[in-house]
Amino acid sequence: MIRLYHGSNMAIEKIDLSRSKRGKDFGQGFYLNANPDQAMAMAIRTARFQDKGQPTLSCFEFDETKADELGLDIKVFPDYSVEWAEFVVMNRKNNSDTPAHPYDIVIGPIADDTVGVQIRRYIMGYLSAVALVEELKFKGDHAIQYFFGTTRAIDLLKRIEL
């Protein structure tokens, strides 16, 4: 059992995937972090960006053994790599309702959100995949994110009080 945190400008009582935004690192879905400090930093950023609400952490428990038992498709990126960078680019480019990958859950490093120019340079062929990996690395503590992209995956998250 692992405890995960979601930082936002409001408490999340019930997860609604239809409210998730497209073009994120691992696609349209619900994102969590095992580090409450990093999740709170995201909450502060979200509240500031949306100019409403208060930075709030919502806490969930996730039983990884149940995900295996149910046969969920899980992709794990243990660290920054060319494969991870290409996966991030593929998902950030996807502006449709159709997921760009088949995974229920994706676990891996967070990309730095300020690198849109570098992604465009990579797509246009001006930046190598190896250089892109360096550009996408999160500036700060190594941060791992948990993406839950299907209702089957969301059903494994149990809301708990902090």
N, C-alpha and C. Protein backbone atom coordinates (compact mmCIF):
# COMPACT_ATOMS: atom_id res chain seq x y z
N MET A 1 0.87 -1.18 0.00
CA MET A 1 0.00 0.00 0.00
C MET A 1 0.90 1.23 0.00
N ILE A 2 0.62 2.15 -0.89
CA ILE A 2 1.39 3.38 -0.96
C ILE A 2 0.45 4.58 -0.82
N ARG A 3 0.91 5.59 -0.12
CA ARG A 3 0.14 6.82 0.07
C ARG A 3 0.56 7.81 -1.01
N LEU A 4 -0.43 8.36 -1.72
CA LEU A 4 -0.18 9.31 -2.80
C LEU A 4 -0.97 10.59 -2.55
N TYR A 5 -0.45 11.70 -3.07
CA TYR A 5 -1.05 13.01 -2.85
C TYR A 5 -1.34 13.70 -4.17
N HIS A 6 -2.47 14.42 -4.19
CA HIS A 6 -2.84 15.24 -5.35
C HIS A 6 -2.94 16.68 -4.87
N GLY A 7 -2.16 17.55 -5.49
CA GLY A 7 -2.19 18.96 -5.13
C GLY A 7 -3.05 19.75 -6.11
N SER A 8 -3.98 20.53 -5.56
CA SER A 8 -4.89 21.30 -6.40
C SER A 8 -5.33 22.56 -5.64
N ASN A 9 -6.26 23.29 -6.25
CA ASN A 9 -6.80 24.48 -5.60
C ASN A 9 -8.09 24.17 -4.84
N MET A 10 -8.40 22.87 -4.71
CA MET A 10 -9.58 22.42 -3.97
C MET A 10 -9.39 20.96 -3.58
N ALA A 11 -10.11 20.51 -2.58
CA ALA A 11 -10.07 19.11 -2.18
C ALA A 11 -10.75 18.26 -3.25
N ILE A 12 -10.21 17.10 -3.50
CA ILE A 12 -10.79 16.17 -4.47
C ILE A 12 -11.47 15.05 -3.67
N GLU A 13 -12.79 15.05 -3.67
CA GLU A 13 -13.55 14.02 -2.96
C GLU A 13 -13.78 12.82 -3.87
N LYS A 14 -14.13 13.10 -5.12
CA LYS A 14 -14.40 12.04 -6.10
C LYS A 14 -13.65 12.40 -7.38
N ILE A 15 -12.87 11.47 -7.90
CA ILE A 15 -12.07 11.72 -9.09
C ILE A 15 -12.95 11.63 -10.33
N ASP A 16 -12.88 12.67 -11.16
CA ASP A 16 -13.65 12.74 -12.40
C ASP A 16 -12.66 12.92 -13.55
N LEU A 17 -12.40 11.83 -14.27
CA LEU A 17 -11.42 11.88 -15.36
C LEU A 17 -11.81 12.85 -16.47
N SER A 18 -13.10 13.14 -16.62
CA SER A 18 -13.53 14.06 -17.68
C SER A 18 -13.04 15.49 -17.42
N ARG A 19 -12.63 15.78 -16.19
CA ARG A 19 -12.11 17.11 -15.87
C ARG A 19 -10.61 17.22 -16.11
N SER A 20 -9.98 16.10 -16.44
CA SER A 20 -8.54 16.08 -16.66
C SER A 20 -8.19 16.79 -17.96
N LYS A 21 -7.03 17.43 -17.95
CA LYS A 21 -6.58 18.19 -19.12
C LYS A 21 -5.77 17.31 -20.06
N ARG A 22 -5.87 17.63 -21.34
CA ARG A 22 -5.08 16.95 -22.37
C ARG A 22 -3.68 17.52 -22.39
N GLY A 23 -2.80 16.82 -23.10
CA GLY A 23 -1.46 17.35 -23.35
C GLY A 23 -0.53 17.33 -22.16
N LYS A 24 -0.77 16.45 -21.20
CA LYS A 24 0.11 16.34 -20.03
C LYS A 24 1.17 15.26 -20.28
N ASP A 25 2.14 15.16 -19.38
CA ASP A 25 3.28 14.25 -19.55
C ASP A 25 2.88 12.84 -19.97
N PHE A 26 1.93 12.24 -19.26
CA PHE A 26 1.55 10.86 -19.53
C PHE A 26 0.14 10.76 -20.10
N GLY A 27 -0.42 11.89 -20.51
CA GLY A 27 -1.74 11.90 -21.11
C GLY A 27 -2.79 12.50 -20.20
N GLN A 28 -4.02 12.40 -20.65
CA GLN A 28 -5.16 12.94 -19.92
C GLN A 28 -5.53 11.96 -18.81
N GLY A 29 -5.40 12.39 -17.57
CA GLY A 29 -5.68 11.50 -16.46
C GLY A 29 -5.53 12.22 -15.13
N PHE A 30 -5.50 11.44 -14.07
CA PHE A 30 -5.39 11.96 -12.71
C PHE A 30 -3.96 11.72 -12.24
N TYR A 31 -3.29 12.78 -11.77
CA TYR A 31 -1.88 12.71 -11.40
C TYR A 31 -1.71 12.84 -9.89
N LEU A 32 -0.82 12.02 -9.36
CA LEU A 32 -0.50 12.04 -7.93
C LEU A 32 1.01 11.97 -7.75
N ASN A 33 1.43 12.22 -6.51
CA ASN A 33 2.85 12.23 -6.17
C ASN A 33 3.00 11.59 -4.78
N ALA A 34 4.04 10.81 -4.59
CA ALA A 34 4.28 10.19 -3.29
C ALA A 34 4.89 11.17 -2.29
N ASN A 35 5.39 12.30 -2.79
CA ASN A 35 6.02 13.30 -1.94
C ASN A 35 5.01 14.43 -1.65
N PRO A 36 4.53 14.56 -0.41
CA PRO A 36 3.52 15.59 -0.12
C PRO A 36 4.03 17.02 -0.36
N ASP A 37 5.33 17.25 -0.17
CA ASP A 37 5.87 18.59 -0.41
C ASP A 37 5.79 18.97 -1.89
N GLN A 38 6.11 18.01 -2.76
CA GLN A 38 6.02 18.29 -4.19
C GLN A 38 4.56 18.46 -4.62
N ALA A 39 3.66 17.67 -4.04
CA ALA A 39 2.24 17.81 -4.35
C ALA A 39 1.73 19.18 -3.88
N MET A 40 2.19 19.64 -2.72
CA MET A 40 1.78 20.96 -2.23
C MET A 40 2.33 22.06 -3.13
N ALA A 41 3.54 21.91 -3.64
CA ALA A 41 4.08 22.90 -4.57
C ALA A 41 3.20 22.99 -5.81
N MET A 42 2.68 21.86 -6.28
CA MET A 42 1.76 21.86 -7.43
C MET A 42 0.45 22.53 -7.04
N ALA A 43 -0.02 22.29 -5.82
CA ALA A 43 -1.26 22.92 -5.35
C ALA A 43 -1.12 24.43 -5.33
N ILE A 44 0.01 24.91 -4.85
CA ILE A 44 0.25 26.36 -4.80
C ILE A 44 0.28 26.93 -6.20
N ARG A 45 0.97 26.24 -7.10
CA ARG A 45 1.04 26.70 -8.50
C ARG A 45 -0.35 26.71 -9.16
N THR A 46 -1.14 25.66 -8.91
CA THR A 46 -2.48 25.57 -9.50
C THR A 46 -3.38 26.69 -8.98
N ALA A 47 -3.37 26.92 -7.68
CA ALA A 47 -4.21 27.98 -7.09
C ALA A 47 -3.80 29.34 -7.65
N ARG A 48 -2.51 29.56 -7.79
CA ARG A 48 -2.02 30.84 -8.32
C ARG A 48 -2.40 30.99 -9.80
N PHE A 49 -2.21 29.91 -10.59
CA PHE A 49 -2.50 29.94 -12.02
C PHE A 49 -3.99 30.16 -12.27
N GLN A 50 -4.85 29.48 -11.51
CA GLN A 50 -6.29 29.60 -11.72
C GLN A 50 -6.88 30.79 -10.98
N ASP A 51 -6.09 31.40 -10.11
CA ASP A 51 -6.50 32.58 -9.35
C ASP A 51 -7.81 32.35 -8.59
N LYS A 52 -7.96 31.14 -8.05
CA LYS A 52 -9.13 30.84 -7.21
C LYS A 52 -8.83 29.63 -6.34
N GLY A 53 -9.55 29.53 -5.24
CA GLY A 53 -9.37 28.41 -4.32
C GLY A 53 -8.12 28.56 -3.47
N GLN A 54 -7.87 27.56 -2.67
CA GLN A 54 -6.72 27.53 -1.79
C GLN A 54 -5.88 26.28 -2.09
N PRO A 55 -4.57 26.38 -1.97
CA PRO A 55 -3.74 25.19 -2.17
C PRO A 55 -4.18 24.09 -1.21
N THR A 56 -4.49 22.93 -1.76
CA THR A 56 -5.07 21.84 -0.97
C THR A 56 -4.47 20.50 -1.40
N LEU A 57 -4.15 19.68 -0.41
CA LEU A 57 -3.71 18.31 -0.69
C LEU A 57 -4.85 17.35 -0.46
N SER A 58 -5.05 16.44 -1.40
CA SER A 58 -5.97 15.33 -1.23
C SER A 58 -5.10 14.07 -1.18
N CYS A 59 -5.41 13.17 -0.25
CA CYS A 59 -4.58 12.00 -0.02
C CYS A 59 -5.34 10.73 -0.40
N PHE A 60 -4.62 9.80 -1.02
CA PHE A 60 -5.21 8.54 -1.47
C PHE A 60 -4.26 7.40 -1.14
N GLU A 61 -4.81 6.23 -0.92
CA GLU A 61 -4.01 5.02 -0.80
C GLU A 61 -4.18 4.21 -2.07
N PHE A 62 -3.08 3.61 -2.50
CA PHE A 62 -3.06 2.81 -3.72
C PHE A 62 -2.42 1.46 -3.40
N ASP A 63 -3.16 0.39 -3.66
CA ASP A 63 -2.67 -0.96 -3.44
C ASP A 63 -2.16 -1.51 -4.77
N GLU A 64 -0.84 -1.49 -4.94
CA GLU A 64 -0.24 -1.92 -6.21
C GLU A 64 -0.48 -3.41 -6.49
N THR A 65 -0.63 -4.21 -5.44
CA THR A 65 -0.86 -5.65 -5.67
C THR A 65 -2.22 -5.89 -6.32
N LYS A 66 -3.22 -5.06 -5.98
CA LYS A 66 -4.53 -5.20 -6.61
C LYS A 66 -4.47 -4.86 -8.09
N ALA A 67 -3.65 -3.88 -8.45
CA ALA A 67 -3.49 -3.52 -9.86
C ALA A 67 -2.94 -4.70 -10.65
N ASP A 68 -1.96 -5.39 -10.06
CA ASP A 68 -1.40 -6.59 -10.71
C ASP A 68 -2.44 -7.69 -10.80
N GLU A 69 -3.19 -7.91 -9.72
CA GLU A 69 -4.21 -8.96 -9.69
C GLU A 69 -5.28 -8.73 -10.75
N LEU A 70 -5.65 -7.47 -10.97
CA LEU A 70 -6.69 -7.14 -11.95
C LEU A 70 -6.15 -7.08 -13.38
N GLY A 71 -4.84 -7.23 -13.54
CA GLY A 71 -4.25 -7.22 -14.88
C GLY A 71 -4.21 -5.85 -15.52
N LEU A 72 -4.11 -4.80 -14.72
CA LEU A 72 -4.01 -3.46 -15.30
C LEU A 72 -2.69 -3.31 -16.03
N ASP A 73 -2.71 -2.54 -17.13
CA ASP A 73 -1.49 -2.26 -17.88
C ASP A 73 -0.76 -1.11 -17.20
N ILE A 74 0.44 -1.40 -16.71
CA ILE A 74 1.23 -0.41 -15.98
C ILE A 74 2.57 -0.23 -16.67
N LYS A 75 2.93 1.02 -16.90
CA LYS A 75 4.23 1.36 -17.49
C LYS A 75 5.02 2.11 -16.43
N VAL A 76 6.24 1.66 -16.18
CA VAL A 76 7.11 2.32 -15.20
C VAL A 76 8.37 2.80 -15.90
N PHE A 77 8.66 4.08 -15.75
CA PHE A 77 9.92 4.66 -16.20
C PHE A 77 10.75 4.88 -14.93
N PRO A 78 11.77 4.06 -14.69
CA PRO A 78 12.54 4.19 -13.45
C PRO A 78 13.34 5.49 -13.36
N ASP A 79 13.64 6.09 -14.51
CA ASP A 79 14.43 7.32 -14.50
C ASP A 79 14.25 8.02 -15.85
N TYR A 80 14.84 9.20 -15.96
CA TYR A 80 14.83 9.92 -17.22
C TYR A 80 15.56 9.08 -18.27
N SER A 81 15.00 9.02 -19.47
CA SER A 81 15.60 8.26 -20.56
C SER A 81 15.05 8.79 -21.88
N VAL A 82 15.65 8.36 -22.97
CA VAL A 82 15.13 8.74 -24.29
C VAL A 82 13.71 8.19 -24.46
N GLU A 83 13.48 6.95 -24.04
CA GLU A 83 12.13 6.37 -24.15
C GLU A 83 11.12 7.22 -23.38
N TRP A 84 11.48 7.64 -22.16
CA TRP A 84 10.60 8.49 -21.35
C TRP A 84 10.33 9.82 -22.05
N ALA A 85 11.39 10.46 -22.58
CA ALA A 85 11.23 11.77 -23.24
C ALA A 85 10.33 11.66 -24.46
N GLU A 86 10.50 10.61 -25.26
CA GLU A 86 9.64 10.43 -26.44
C GLU A 86 8.20 10.15 -26.04
N PHE A 87 8.01 9.46 -24.93
CA PHE A 87 6.66 9.18 -24.40
C PHE A 87 5.99 10.49 -23.97
N VAL A 88 6.74 11.35 -23.28
CA VAL A 88 6.23 12.65 -22.85
C VAL A 88 5.86 13.50 -24.06
N VAL A 89 6.72 13.55 -25.06
CA VAL A 89 6.44 14.34 -26.27
C VAL A 89 5.18 13.82 -26.95
N MET A 90 5.06 12.49 -27.08
CA MET A 90 3.88 11.89 -27.72
C MET A 90 2.60 12.31 -26.99
N ASN A 91 2.63 12.30 -25.67
CA ASN A 91 1.44 12.65 -24.90
C ASN A 91 1.16 14.14 -24.90
N ARG A 92 2.19 14.94 -24.83
CA ARG A 92 1.98 16.40 -24.85
C ARG A 92 1.44 16.87 -26.20
N LYS A 93 1.79 16.16 -27.27
CA LYS A 93 1.30 16.50 -28.61
C LYS A 93 -0.15 16.05 -28.83
N ASN A 94 -0.60 15.08 -28.05
CA ASN A 94 -1.93 14.50 -28.25
C ASN A 94 -3.01 15.44 -27.72
N ASN A 95 -3.79 16.00 -28.63
CA ASN A 95 -4.86 16.92 -28.26
C ASN A 95 -6.24 16.32 -28.52
N SER A 96 -6.29 14.99 -28.62
CA SER A 96 -7.57 14.32 -28.89
C SER A 96 -8.08 13.64 -27.63
N ASP A 97 -9.28 13.13 -27.70
CA ASP A 97 -9.86 12.39 -26.58
C ASP A 97 -9.36 10.95 -26.54
N THR A 98 -8.67 10.51 -27.58
CA THR A 98 -8.15 9.15 -27.65
C THR A 98 -6.76 9.11 -27.04
N PRO A 99 -6.55 8.27 -26.02
CA PRO A 99 -5.22 8.18 -25.41
C PRO A 99 -4.16 7.77 -26.44
N ALA A 100 -2.96 8.27 -26.24
CA ALA A 100 -1.84 7.96 -27.14
C ALA A 100 -1.15 6.66 -26.74
N HIS A 101 -1.56 6.05 -25.63
CA HIS A 101 -0.94 4.81 -25.16
C HIS A 101 -2.00 3.94 -24.50
N PRO A 102 -1.70 2.64 -24.30
CA PRO A 102 -2.69 1.70 -23.76
C PRO A 102 -2.66 1.52 -22.25
N TYR A 103 -1.87 2.29 -21.52
CA TYR A 103 -1.65 2.01 -20.10
C TYR A 103 -2.74 2.59 -19.20
N ASP A 104 -3.10 1.81 -18.19
CA ASP A 104 -4.02 2.28 -17.16
C ASP A 104 -3.30 3.20 -16.18
N ILE A 105 -2.05 2.82 -15.87
CA ILE A 105 -1.24 3.55 -14.89
C ILE A 105 0.16 3.74 -15.49
N VAL A 106 0.71 4.95 -15.32
CA VAL A 106 2.09 5.21 -15.72
C VAL A 106 2.78 5.86 -14.52
N ILE A 107 3.97 5.36 -14.22
CA ILE A 107 4.76 5.88 -13.10
C ILE A 107 6.12 6.29 -13.65
N GLY A 108 6.51 7.53 -13.38
CA GLY A 108 7.80 7.98 -13.87
C GLY A 108 8.09 9.41 -13.51
N PRO A 109 9.27 9.89 -13.92
CA PRO A 109 9.69 11.25 -13.58
C PRO A 109 8.76 12.32 -14.15
N ILE A 110 8.70 13.43 -13.45
CA ILE A 110 7.96 14.60 -13.91
C ILE A 110 8.84 15.38 -14.87
N ALA A 111 8.25 15.86 -15.96
CA ALA A 111 8.97 16.74 -16.87
C ALA A 111 8.81 18.18 -16.40
N ASP A 112 9.82 18.97 -16.66
CA ASP A 112 9.75 20.39 -16.33
C ASP A 112 8.74 21.05 -17.26
N ASP A 113 7.75 21.73 -16.68
CA ASP A 113 6.68 22.33 -17.48
C ASP A 113 7.11 23.54 -18.30
N THR A 114 8.32 24.00 -18.14
CA THR A 114 8.73 25.22 -18.83
C THR A 114 9.51 24.93 -20.11
N VAL A 115 9.37 23.73 -20.66
CA VAL A 115 10.22 23.34 -21.78
C VAL A 115 9.48 23.17 -23.11
N GLY A 116 8.40 23.87 -23.27
CA GLY A 116 7.64 23.77 -24.52
C GLY A 116 8.46 24.09 -25.75
N VAL A 117 9.34 25.08 -25.65
CA VAL A 117 10.19 25.45 -26.79
C VAL A 117 11.11 24.30 -27.17
N GLN A 118 11.69 23.63 -26.16
CA GLN A 118 12.59 22.52 -26.44
C GLN A 118 11.85 21.36 -27.09
N ILE A 119 10.63 21.10 -26.68
CA ILE A 119 9.84 20.03 -27.31
C ILE A 119 9.59 20.36 -28.77
N ARG A 120 9.25 21.60 -29.06
CA ARG A 120 9.04 22.00 -30.47
C ARG A 120 10.34 21.86 -31.27
N ARG A 121 11.47 22.22 -30.65
CA ARG A 121 12.77 22.08 -31.33
C ARG A 121 13.06 20.61 -31.63
N TYR A 122 12.71 19.72 -30.70
CA TYR A 122 12.90 18.29 -30.91
C TYR A 122 12.02 17.80 -32.06
N ILE A 123 10.75 18.18 -32.04
CA ILE A 123 9.81 17.76 -33.07
C ILE A 123 10.28 18.22 -34.44
N MET A 124 10.85 19.42 -34.50
CA MET A 124 11.32 19.97 -35.78
C MET A 124 12.69 19.41 -36.18
N GLY A 125 13.31 18.61 -35.31
CA GLY A 125 14.58 17.99 -35.65
C GLY A 125 15.81 18.80 -35.29
N TYR A 126 15.65 19.89 -34.53
CA TYR A 126 16.78 20.74 -34.16
C TYR A 126 17.45 20.30 -32.87
N LEU A 127 16.84 19.37 -32.15
CA LEU A 127 17.36 18.93 -30.86
C LEU A 127 17.33 17.40 -30.85
N SER A 128 18.42 16.76 -30.45
CA SER A 128 18.46 15.29 -30.40
C SER A 128 17.64 14.78 -29.23
N ALA A 129 17.29 13.50 -29.27
CA ALA A 129 16.53 12.88 -28.19
C ALA A 129 17.33 12.92 -26.89
N VAL A 130 18.63 12.70 -26.96
CA VAL A 130 19.48 12.72 -25.76
C VAL A 130 19.49 14.12 -25.15
N ALA A 131 19.60 15.16 -25.99
CA ALA A 131 19.58 16.54 -25.48
C ALA A 131 18.20 16.87 -24.90
N LEU A 132 17.15 16.35 -25.51
CA LEU A 132 15.79 16.59 -25.02
C LEU A 132 15.62 16.03 -23.61
N VAL A 133 16.18 14.85 -23.35
CA VAL A 133 16.09 14.27 -22.01
C VAL A 133 16.63 15.25 -20.97
N GLU A 134 17.78 15.83 -21.26
CA GLU A 134 18.38 16.79 -20.32
C GLU A 134 17.50 18.02 -20.14
N GLU A 135 16.92 18.50 -21.23
CA GLU A 135 16.06 19.69 -21.16
C GLU A 135 14.77 19.44 -20.38
N LEU A 136 14.25 18.21 -20.46
CA LEU A 136 12.98 17.89 -19.82
C LEU A 136 13.11 17.56 -18.34
N LYS A 137 14.31 17.33 -17.86
CA LYS A 137 14.47 16.96 -16.46
C LYS A 137 13.91 18.04 -15.55
N PHE A 138 13.18 17.60 -14.55
CA PHE A 138 12.55 18.49 -13.59
C PHE A 138 13.64 19.25 -12.83
N LYS A 139 13.51 20.54 -12.78
CA LYS A 139 14.49 21.36 -12.07
C LYS A 139 14.12 21.38 -10.58
N GLY A 140 14.91 20.73 -9.79
CA GLY A 140 14.61 20.60 -8.36
C GLY A 140 14.80 19.17 -7.96
N ASP A 141 14.18 18.78 -6.85
CA ASP A 141 14.30 17.40 -6.39
C ASP A 141 13.72 16.45 -7.42
N HIS A 142 14.34 15.29 -7.56
CA HIS A 142 13.85 14.25 -8.47
C HIS A 142 12.41 13.92 -8.09
N ALA A 143 11.50 14.13 -8.99
CA ALA A 143 10.08 13.97 -8.69
C ALA A 143 9.48 12.85 -9.54
N ILE A 144 8.77 11.95 -8.89
CA ILE A 144 8.08 10.84 -9.57
C ILE A 144 6.58 11.11 -9.50
N GLN A 145 5.94 10.95 -10.65
CA GLN A 145 4.48 11.14 -10.70
C GLN A 145 3.79 9.82 -11.02
N TYR A 146 2.57 9.72 -10.54
CA TYR A 146 1.73 8.56 -10.77
C TYR A 146 0.53 9.04 -11.58
N PHE A 147 0.35 8.45 -12.76
CA PHE A 147 -0.75 8.78 -13.66
C PHE A 147 -1.77 7.65 -13.61
N PHE A 148 -3.02 8.01 -13.38
CA PHE A 148 -4.12 7.06 -13.41
C PHE A 148 -5.05 7.52 -14.53
N GLY A 149 -5.12 6.75 -15.61
CA GLY A 149 -5.81 7.22 -16.80
C GLY A 149 -7.10 6.52 -17.17
N THR A 150 -7.51 5.51 -16.41
CA THR A 150 -8.74 4.79 -16.71
C THR A 150 -9.57 4.65 -15.44
N THR A 151 -10.85 4.38 -15.61
CA THR A 151 -11.71 4.19 -14.44
C THR A 151 -11.28 2.95 -13.66
N ARG A 152 -10.77 1.93 -14.34
CA ARG A 152 -10.26 0.74 -13.65
C ARG A 152 -9.13 1.12 -12.71
N ALA A 153 -8.27 2.02 -13.15
CA ALA A 153 -7.16 2.46 -12.31
C ALA A 153 -7.66 3.35 -11.17
N ILE A 154 -8.55 4.28 -11.49
CA ILE A 154 -9.09 5.20 -10.49
C ILE A 154 -9.79 4.43 -9.37
N ASP A 155 -10.46 3.34 -9.72
CA ASP A 155 -11.18 2.54 -8.72
C ASP A 155 -10.25 1.96 -7.66
N LEU A 156 -8.95 1.91 -7.92
CA LEU A 156 -7.99 1.38 -6.95
C LEU A 156 -7.50 2.44 -5.96
N LEU A 157 -7.90 3.68 -6.15
CA LEU A 157 -7.50 4.76 -5.25
C LEU A 157 -8.56 4.93 -4.16
N LYS A 158 -8.10 4.87 -2.91
CA LYS A 158 -9.03 5.03 -1.78
C LYS A 158 -8.70 6.38 -1.11
N ARG A 159 -9.68 7.26 -1.08
CA ARG A 159 -9.50 8.59 -0.46
C ARG A 159 -9.36 8.42 1.04
N ILE A 160 -8.36 9.07 1.61
CA ILE A 160 -8.17 9.05 3.06
C ILE A 160 -7.96 10.47 3.55
N GLU A 161 -8.24 10.70 4.81
CA GLU A 161 -8.05 12.01 5.40
C GLU A 161 -6.59 12.16 5.83
N LEU A 162 -6.08 13.37 5.70
CA LEU A 162 -4.70 13.64 6.14
C LEU A 162 -4.61 13.71 7.64
